[in-house]
Amino acid sequence: MNSEHDNTPRTEAEWRAQAAQILKAELSRHGVKYAELRERLAALGIEESYGGLATKINRGKFSFTFFIQCMTTLAKTEIKLDK
């Protein structure tokens, strides 16, 4: 993956991989596994199947809205975008 200050264009797959990595890292930091994330999202009124949730996150194919919803379940208000 490109460095933080590298302006080389990235592929869509590279952007997705970074998104998935950031979300997985935050879940791990908070000790939240997919089953618990599913329950926390359900408490917000967001219904996701376990399989759909895992696939969405592992592929990095999710909307920014979904990302914010996940961060809300973790009570995260700031995210640092690493290289």
PDB file of N, CA and C in Angstrom:
ATOM      1  N   MET A   1       0.847  -1.172   0.000  1.00  0.00           N
ATOM      2  CA  MET A   1       0.000   0.000   0.000  1.00  0.00           C
ATOM      3  C   MET A   1       0.887   1.228   0.000  1.00  0.00           C
ATOM      4  N   ASN A   2       0.396   2.319  -0.493  1.00  0.00           N
ATOM      5  CA  ASN A   2       1.155   3.551  -0.600  1.00  0.00           C
ATOM      6  C   ASN A   2       1.395   4.171   0.760  1.00  0.00           C
ATOM      7  N   SER A   3       2.501   4.930   0.871  1.00  0.00           N
ATOM      8  CA  SER A   3       2.781   5.591   2.134  1.00  0.00           C
ATOM      9  C   SER A   3       1.863   6.789   2.317  1.00  0.00           C
ATOM     10  N   GLU A   4       1.881   7.328   3.526  1.00  0.00           N
ATOM     11  CA  GLU A   4       0.982   8.420   3.894  1.00  0.00           C
ATOM     12  C   GLU A   4       1.099   9.628   2.971  1.00  0.00           C
ATOM     13  N   HIS A   5       2.312   9.935   2.512  1.00  0.00           N
ATOM     14  CA  HIS A   5       2.526  11.132   1.693  1.00  0.00           C
ATOM     15  C   HIS A   5       2.769  10.805   0.229  1.00  0.00           C
ATOM     16  N   ASP A   6       2.557   9.588  -0.158  1.00  0.00           N
ATOM     17  CA  ASP A   6       2.724   9.157  -1.540  1.00  0.00           C
ATOM     18  C   ASP A   6       1.447   9.485  -2.298  1.00  0.00           C
ATOM     19  N   ASN A   7       1.582  10.230  -3.371  1.00  0.00           N
ATOM     20  CA  ASN A   7       0.408  10.632  -4.151  1.00  0.00           C
ATOM     21  C   ASN A   7       0.137   9.706  -5.330  1.00  0.00           C
ATOM     22  N   THR A   8       0.772   8.541  -5.331  1.00  0.00           N
ATOM     23  CA  THR A   8       0.528   7.575  -6.383  1.00  0.00           C
ATOM     24  C   THR A   8      -0.929   7.115  -6.303  1.00  0.00           C
ATOM     25  N   PRO A   9      -1.626   7.109  -7.429  1.00  0.00           N
ATOM     26  CA  PRO A   9      -3.036   6.672  -7.388  1.00  0.00           C
ATOM     27  C   PRO A   9      -3.175   5.255  -6.856  1.00  0.00           C
ATOM     28  N   ARG A  10      -4.222   5.049  -6.077  1.00  0.00           N
ATOM     29  CA  ARG A  10      -4.527   3.725  -5.534  1.00  0.00           C
ATOM     30  C   ARG A  10      -5.666   3.102  -6.327  1.00  0.00           C
ATOM     31  N   THR A  11      -5.694   1.792  -6.290  1.00  0.00           N
ATOM     32  CA  THR A  11      -6.807   1.089  -6.916  1.00  0.00           C
ATOM     33  C   THR A  11      -7.986   1.054  -5.942  1.00  0.00           C
ATOM     34  N   GLU A  12      -9.137   0.760  -6.458  1.00  0.00           N
ATOM     35  CA  GLU A  12     -10.333   0.622  -5.614  1.00  0.00           C
ATOM     36  C   GLU A  12     -10.106  -0.462  -4.573  1.00  0.00           C
ATOM     37  N   ALA A  13      -9.447  -1.544  -4.965  1.00  0.00           N
ATOM     38  CA  ALA A  13      -9.177  -2.645  -4.039  1.00  0.00           C
ATOM     39  C   ALA A  13      -8.274  -2.182  -2.893  1.00  0.00           C
ATOM     40  N   GLU A  14      -7.317  -1.314  -3.180  1.00  0.00           N
ATOM     41  CA  GLU A  14      -6.439  -0.804  -2.125  1.00  0.00           C
ATOM     42  C   GLU A  14      -7.206   0.081  -1.148  1.00  0.00           C
ATOM     43  N   TRP A  15      -8.114   0.907  -1.664  1.00  0.00           N
ATOM     44  CA  TRP A  15      -8.940   1.744  -0.781  1.00  0.00           C
ATOM     45  C   TRP A  15      -9.825   0.868   0.095  1.00  0.00           C
ATOM     46  N   ARG A  16     -10.424  -0.167  -0.505  1.00  0.00           N
ATOM     47  CA  ARG A  16     -11.281  -1.075   0.259  1.00  0.00           C
ATOM     48  C   ARG A  16     -10.495  -1.800   1.340  1.00  0.00           C
ATOM     49  N   ALA A  17      -9.283  -2.237   0.998  1.00  0.00           N
ATOM     50  CA  ALA A  17      -8.442  -2.938   1.970  1.00  0.00           C
ATOM     51  C   ALA A  17      -8.116  -2.027   3.148  1.00  0.00           C
ATOM     52  N   GLN A  18      -7.851  -0.759   2.875  1.00  0.00           N
ATOM     53  CA  GLN A  18      -7.561   0.178   3.958  1.00  0.00           C
ATOM     54  C   GLN A  18      -8.796   0.383   4.833  1.00  0.00           C
ATOM     55  N   ALA A  19      -9.954   0.531   4.210  1.00  0.00           N
ATOM     56  CA  ALA A  19     -11.196   0.712   4.970  1.00  0.00           C
ATOM     57  C   ALA A  19     -11.449  -0.489   5.875  1.00  0.00           C
ATOM     58  N   ALA A  20     -11.295  -1.686   5.330  1.00  0.00           N
ATOM     59  CA  ALA A  20     -11.501  -2.905   6.117  1.00  0.00           C
ATOM     60  C   ALA A  20     -10.495  -2.983   7.254  1.00  0.00           C
ATOM     61  N   GLN A  21      -9.251  -2.651   6.982  1.00  0.00           N
ATOM     62  CA  GLN A  21      -8.196  -2.702   7.998  1.00  0.00           C
ATOM     63  C   GLN A  21      -8.501  -1.739   9.143  1.00  0.00           C
ATOM     64  N   ILE A  22      -8.933  -0.533   8.825  1.00  0.00           N
ATOM     65  CA  ILE A  22      -9.239   0.457   9.867  1.00  0.00           C
ATOM     66  C   ILE A  22     -10.397  -0.024  10.735  1.00  0.00           C
ATOM     67  N   LEU A  23     -11.471  -0.503  10.097  1.00  0.00           N
ATOM     68  CA  LEU A  23     -12.630  -0.960  10.859  1.00  0.00           C
ATOM     69  C   LEU A  23     -12.274  -2.177  11.726  1.00  0.00           C
ATOM     70  N   LYS A  24     -11.574  -3.139  11.155  1.00  0.00           N
ATOM     71  CA  LYS A  24     -11.180  -4.324  11.922  1.00  0.00           C
ATOM     72  C   LYS A  24     -10.274  -3.951  13.094  1.00  0.00           C
ATOM     73  N   ALA A  25      -9.357  -3.015  12.881  1.00  0.00           N
ATOM     74  CA  ALA A  25      -8.446  -2.592  13.949  1.00  0.00           C
ATOM     75  C   ALA A  25      -9.219  -1.952  15.093  1.00  0.00           C
ATOM     76  N   GLU A  26     -10.204  -1.116  14.772  1.00  0.00           N
ATOM     77  CA  GLU A  26     -11.004  -0.476  15.821  1.00  0.00           C
ATOM     78  C   GLU A  26     -11.831  -1.495  16.583  1.00  0.00           C
ATOM     79  N   LEU A  27     -12.405  -2.442  15.875  1.00  0.00           N
ATOM     80  CA  LEU A  27     -13.170  -3.494  16.544  1.00  0.00           C
ATOM     81  C   LEU A  27     -12.261  -4.285  17.479  1.00  0.00           C
ATOM     82  N   SER A  28     -11.075  -4.619  17.004  1.00  0.00           N
ATOM     83  CA  SER A  28     -10.122  -5.377  17.806  1.00  0.00           C
ATOM     84  C   SER A  28      -9.688  -4.586  19.043  1.00  0.00           C
ATOM     85  N   ARG A  29      -9.404  -3.300  18.872  1.00  0.00           N
ATOM     86  CA  ARG A  29      -8.992  -2.457  20.006  1.00  0.00           C
ATOM     87  C   ARG A  29     -10.046  -2.437  21.109  1.00  0.00           C
ATOM     88  N   HIS A  30     -11.294  -2.554  20.696  1.00  0.00           N
ATOM     89  CA  HIS A  30     -12.397  -2.520  21.665  1.00  0.00           C
ATOM     90  C   HIS A  30     -12.852  -3.916  22.081  1.00  0.00           C
ATOM     91  N   GLY A  31     -12.177  -4.941  21.554  1.00  0.00           N
ATOM     92  CA  GLY A  31     -12.520  -6.319  21.909  1.00  0.00           C
ATOM     93  C   GLY A  31     -13.893  -6.737  21.417  1.00  0.00           C
ATOM     94  N   VAL A  32     -14.340  -6.149  20.308  1.00  0.00           N
ATOM     95  CA  VAL A  32     -15.674  -6.434  19.774  1.00  0.00           C
ATOM     96  C   VAL A  32     -15.553  -7.352  18.560  1.00  0.00           C
ATOM     97  N   LYS A  33     -16.175  -8.499  18.657  1.00  0.00           N
ATOM     98  CA  LYS A  33     -16.207  -9.448  17.538  1.00  0.00           C
ATOM     99  C   LYS A  33     -17.488  -9.195  16.736  1.00  0.00           C
ATOM    100  N   TYR A  34     -17.565  -9.823  15.569  1.00  0.00           N
ATOM    101  CA  TYR A  34     -18.698  -9.575  14.670  1.00  0.00           C
ATOM    102  C   TYR A  34     -20.048  -9.853  15.314  1.00  0.00           C
ATOM    103  N   ALA A  35     -20.153 -10.916  16.104  1.00  0.00           N
ATOM    104  CA  ALA A  35     -21.437 -11.236  16.740  1.00  0.00           C
ATOM    105  C   ALA A  35     -21.875 -10.106  17.665  1.00  0.00           C
ATOM    106  N   GLU A  36     -20.934  -9.570  18.426  1.00  0.00           N
ATOM    107  CA  GLU A  36     -21.266  -8.461  19.324  1.00  0.00           C
ATOM    108  C   GLU A  36     -21.568  -7.189  18.537  1.00  0.00           C
ATOM    109  N   LEU A  37     -20.812  -6.953  17.473  1.00  0.00           N
ATOM    110  CA  LEU A  37     -21.086  -5.784  16.629  1.00  0.00           C
ATOM    111  C   LEU A  37     -22.503  -5.871  16.065  1.00  0.00           C
ATOM    112  N   ARG A  38     -22.883  -7.062  15.650  1.00  0.00           N
ATOM    113  CA  ARG A  38     -24.239  -7.274  15.120  1.00  0.00           C
ATOM    114  C   ARG A  38     -25.281  -6.890  16.163  1.00  0.00           C
ATOM    115  N   GLU A  39     -25.067  -7.293  17.407  1.00  0.00           N
ATOM    116  CA  GLU A  39     -25.998  -6.951  18.492  1.00  0.00           C
ATOM    117  C   GLU A  39     -26.019  -5.444  18.759  1.00  0.00           C
ATOM    118  N   ARG A  40     -24.848  -4.838  18.737  1.00  0.00           N
ATOM    119  CA  ARG A  40     -24.778  -3.397  18.979  1.00  0.00           C
ATOM    120  C   ARG A  40     -25.465  -2.611  17.859  1.00  0.00           C
ATOM    121  N   LEU A  41     -25.284  -3.065  16.627  1.00  0.00           N
ATOM    122  CA  LEU A  41     -25.955  -2.404  15.507  1.00  0.00           C
ATOM    123  C   LEU A  41     -27.470  -2.584  15.622  1.00  0.00           C
ATOM    124  N   ALA A  42     -27.904  -3.766  16.016  1.00  0.00           N
ATOM    125  CA  ALA A  42     -29.336  -4.038  16.186  1.00  0.00           C
ATOM    126  C   ALA A  42     -29.938  -3.095  17.227  1.00  0.00           C
ATOM    127  N   ALA A  43     -29.172  -2.781  18.273  1.00  0.00           N
ATOM    128  CA  ALA A  43     -29.654  -1.851  19.302  1.00  0.00           C
ATOM    129  C   ALA A  43     -29.874  -0.454  18.728  1.00  0.00           C
ATOM    130  N   LEU A  44     -29.183  -0.148  17.619  1.00  0.00           N
ATOM    131  CA  LEU A  44     -29.380   1.141  16.930  1.00  0.00           C
ATOM    132  C   LEU A  44     -30.477   1.049  15.870  1.00  0.00           C
ATOM    133  N   GLY A  45     -31.057  -0.158  15.734  1.00  0.00           N
ATOM    134  CA  GLY A  45     -32.097  -0.359  14.732  1.00  0.00           C
ATOM    135  C   GLY A  45     -31.556  -0.754  13.372  1.00  0.00           C
ATOM    136  N   ILE A  46     -30.303  -1.205  13.332  1.00  0.00           N
ATOM    137  CA  ILE A  46     -29.655  -1.597  12.079  1.00  0.00           C
ATOM    138  C   ILE A  46     -29.514  -3.118  12.077  1.00  0.00           C
ATOM    139  N   GLU A  47     -30.289  -3.762  11.244  1.00  0.00           N
ATOM    140  CA  GLU A  47     -30.303  -5.225  11.189  1.00  0.00           C
ATOM    141  C   GLU A  47     -29.341  -5.722  10.122  1.00  0.00           C
ATOM    142  N   GLU A  48     -28.417  -6.560  10.526  1.00  0.00           N
ATOM    143  CA  GLU A  48     -27.447  -7.186   9.632  1.00  0.00           C
ATOM    144  C   GLU A  48     -27.336  -8.651  10.023  1.00  0.00           C
ATOM    145  N   SER A  49     -27.272  -9.537   9.054  1.00  0.00           N
ATOM    146  CA  SER A  49     -27.006 -10.930   9.380  1.00  0.00           C
ATOM    147  C   SER A  49     -25.530 -11.051   9.720  1.00  0.00           C
ATOM    148  N   TYR A  50     -25.195 -12.065  10.485  1.00  0.00           N
ATOM    149  CA  TYR A  50     -23.790 -12.271  10.842  1.00  0.00           C
ATOM    150  C   TYR A  50     -22.944 -12.445   9.586  1.00  0.00           C
ATOM    151  N   GLY A  51     -23.413 -13.301   8.681  1.00  0.00           N
ATOM    152  CA  GLY A  51     -22.663 -13.562   7.441  1.00  0.00           C
ATOM    153  C   GLY A  51     -22.526 -12.324   6.572  1.00  0.00           C
ATOM    154  N   GLY A  52     -23.606 -11.569   6.458  1.00  0.00           N
ATOM    155  CA  GLY A  52     -23.561 -10.342   5.655  1.00  0.00           C
ATOM    156  C   GLY A  52     -22.612  -9.323   6.243  1.00  0.00           C
ATOM    157  N   LEU A  53     -22.625  -9.235   7.554  1.00  0.00           N
ATOM    158  CA  LEU A  53     -21.747  -8.309   8.262  1.00  0.00           C
ATOM    159  C   LEU A  53     -20.280  -8.697   8.043  1.00  0.00           C
ATOM    160  N   ALA A  54     -19.969  -9.968   8.225  1.00  0.00           N
ATOM    161  CA  ALA A  54     -18.592 -10.445   8.051  1.00  0.00           C
ATOM    162  C   ALA A  54     -18.113 -10.235   6.619  1.00  0.00           C
ATOM    163  N   THR A  55     -18.957 -10.544   5.661  1.00  0.00           N
ATOM    164  CA  THR A  55     -18.587 -10.380   4.255  1.00  0.00           C
ATOM    165  C   THR A  55     -18.345  -8.917   3.924  1.00  0.00           C
ATOM    166  N   LYS A  56     -19.250  -8.064   4.361  1.00  0.00           N
ATOM    167  CA  LYS A  56     -19.150  -6.631   4.100  1.00  0.00           C
ATOM    168  C   LYS A  56     -17.832  -6.072   4.649  1.00  0.00           C
ATOM    169  N   ILE A  57     -17.517  -6.420   5.880  1.00  0.00           N
ATOM    170  CA  ILE A  57     -16.304  -5.900   6.513  1.00  0.00           C
ATOM    171  C   ILE A  57     -15.057  -6.509   5.878  1.00  0.00           C
ATOM    172  N   ASN A  58     -15.035  -7.810   5.685  1.00  0.00           N
ATOM    173  CA  ASN A  58     -13.846  -8.461   5.132  1.00  0.00           C
ATOM    174  C   ASN A  58     -13.520  -7.998   3.723  1.00  0.00           C
ATOM    175  N   ARG A  59     -14.529  -7.689   2.952  1.00  0.00           N
ATOM    176  CA  ARG A  59     -14.300  -7.197   1.585  1.00  0.00           C
ATOM    177  C   ARG A  59     -14.029  -5.697   1.544  1.00  0.00           C
ATOM    178  N   GLY A  60     -14.343  -5.023   2.635  1.00  0.00           N
ATOM    179  CA  GLY A  60     -14.149  -3.575   2.658  1.00  0.00           C
ATOM    180  C   GLY A  60     -15.163  -2.852   1.798  1.00  0.00           C
ATOM    181  N   LYS A  61     -16.263  -3.516   1.484  1.00  0.00           N
ATOM    182  CA  LYS A  61     -17.308  -2.920   0.640  1.00  0.00           C
ATOM    183  C   LYS A  61     -18.469  -2.490   1.517  1.00  0.00           C
ATOM    184  N   PHE A  62     -18.302  -1.316   2.144  1.00  0.00           N
ATOM    185  CA  PHE A  62     -19.368  -0.779   2.975  1.00  0.00           C
ATOM    186  C   PHE A  62     -19.387   0.732   2.798  1.00  0.00           C
ATOM    187  N   SER A  63     -20.532   1.294   3.084  1.00  0.00           N
ATOM    188  CA  SER A  63     -20.690   2.737   2.943  1.00  0.00           C
ATOM    189  C   SER A  63     -20.067   3.466   4.119  1.00  0.00           C
ATOM    190  N   PHE A  64     -19.845   4.738   3.936  1.00  0.00           N
ATOM    191  CA  PHE A  64     -19.348   5.555   5.035  1.00  0.00           C
ATOM    192  C   PHE A  64     -20.397   5.605   6.137  1.00  0.00           C
ATOM    193  N   THR A  65     -21.651   5.560   5.761  1.00  0.00           N
ATOM    194  CA  THR A  65     -22.733   5.524   6.748  1.00  0.00           C
ATOM    195  C   THR A  65     -22.575   4.308   7.653  1.00  0.00           C
ATOM    196  N   PHE A  66     -22.322   3.149   7.073  1.00  0.00           N
ATOM    197  CA  PHE A  66     -22.111   1.929   7.849  1.00  0.00           C
ATOM    198  C   PHE A  66     -20.901   2.081   8.763  1.00  0.00           C
ATOM    199  N   PHE A  67     -19.837   2.674   8.251  1.00  0.00           N
ATOM    200  CA  PHE A  67     -18.635   2.895   9.053  1.00  0.00           C
ATOM    201  C   PHE A  67     -18.963   3.760  10.269  1.00  0.00           C
ATOM    202  N   ILE A  68     -19.705   4.840  10.061  1.00  0.00           N
ATOM    203  CA  ILE A  68     -20.094   5.723  11.170  1.00  0.00           C
ATOM    204  C   ILE A  68     -20.965   4.963  12.172  1.00  0.00           C
ATOM    205  N   GLN A  69     -21.865   4.144  11.688  1.00  0.00           N
ATOM    206  CA  GLN A  69     -22.705   3.347  12.574  1.00  0.00           C
ATOM    207  C   GLN A  69     -21.848   2.427  13.443  1.00  0.00           C
ATOM    208  N   CYS A  70     -20.868   1.792  12.833  1.00  0.00           N
ATOM    209  CA  CYS A  70     -19.975   0.911  13.593  1.00  0.00           C
ATOM    210  C   CYS A  70     -19.189   1.706  14.622  1.00  0.00           C
ATOM    211  N   MET A  71     -18.673   2.859  14.230  1.00  0.00           N
ATOM    212  CA  MET A  71     -17.909   3.688  15.167  1.00  0.00           C
ATOM    213  C   MET A  71     -18.800   4.175  16.310  1.00  0.00           C
ATOM    214  N   THR A  72     -20.058   4.431  16.022  1.00  0.00           N
ATOM    215  CA  THR A  72     -21.009   4.846  17.047  1.00  0.00           C
ATOM    216  C   THR A  72     -21.188   3.740  18.085  1.00  0.00           C
ATOM    217  N   THR A  73     -21.235   2.482  17.628  1.00  0.00           N
ATOM    218  CA  THR A  73     -21.388   1.374  18.580  1.00  0.00           C
ATOM    219  C   THR A  73     -20.173   1.250  19.486  1.00  0.00           C
ATOM    220  N   LEU A  74     -19.026   1.778  19.036  1.00  0.00           N
ATOM    221  CA  LEU A  74     -17.796   1.728  19.820  1.00  0.00           C
ATOM    222  C   LEU A  74     -17.563   3.019  20.608  1.00  0.00           C
ATOM    223  N   ALA A  75     -18.491   3.967  20.462  1.00  0.00           N
ATOM    224  CA  ALA A  75     -18.368   5.287  21.090  1.00  0.00           C
ATOM    225  C   ALA A  75     -17.112   6.016  20.620  1.00  0.00           C
ATOM    226  N   LYS A  76     -16.728   5.790  19.364  1.00  0.00           N
ATOM    227  CA  LYS A  76     -15.569   6.454  18.777  1.00  0.00           C
ATOM    228  C   LYS A  76     -16.021   7.748  18.114  1.00  0.00           C
ATOM    229  N   THR A  77     -15.316   8.825  18.403  1.00  0.00           N
ATOM    230  CA  THR A  77     -15.646  10.109  17.781  1.00  0.00           C
ATOM    231  C   THR A  77     -14.528  10.600  16.867  1.00  0.00           C
ATOM    232  N   GLU A  78     -13.372   9.942  16.923  1.00  0.00           N
ATOM    233  CA  GLU A  78     -12.243  10.316  16.073  1.00  0.00           C
ATOM    234  C   GLU A  78     -11.570   9.057  15.560  1.00  0.00           C
ATOM    235  N   ILE A  79     -11.113   9.148  14.320  1.00  0.00           N
ATOM    236  CA  ILE A  79     -10.375   8.041  13.699  1.00  0.00           C
ATOM    237  C   ILE A  79      -9.150   8.634  13.030  1.00  0.00           C
ATOM    238  N   LYS A  80      -8.020   8.004  13.248  1.00  0.00           N
ATOM    239  CA  LYS A  80      -6.793   8.421  12.582  1.00  0.00           C
ATOM    240  C   LYS A  80      -6.580   7.538  11.357  1.00  0.00           C
ATOM    241  N   LEU A  81      -6.382   8.173  10.227  1.00  0.00           N
ATOM    242  CA  LEU A  81      -6.096   7.422   9.010  1.00  0.00           C
ATOM    243  C   LEU A  81      -4.592   7.226   8.913  1.00  0.00           C
ATOM    244  N   ASP A  82      -4.152   6.010   9.166  1.00  0.00           N
ATOM    245  CA  ASP A  82      -2.739   5.698   9.072  1.00  0.00           C
ATOM    246  C   ASP A  82      -2.374   5.436   7.624  1.00  0.00           C
ATOM    247  N   LYS A  83      -1.069   5.364   7.408  1.00  0.00           N
ATOM    248  CA  LYS A  83      -0.593   5.098   6.063  1.00  0.00           C
ATOM    249  C   LYS A  83      -1.253   3.936   5.493  1.00  0.00           C
TER     250      LYS A  83
END
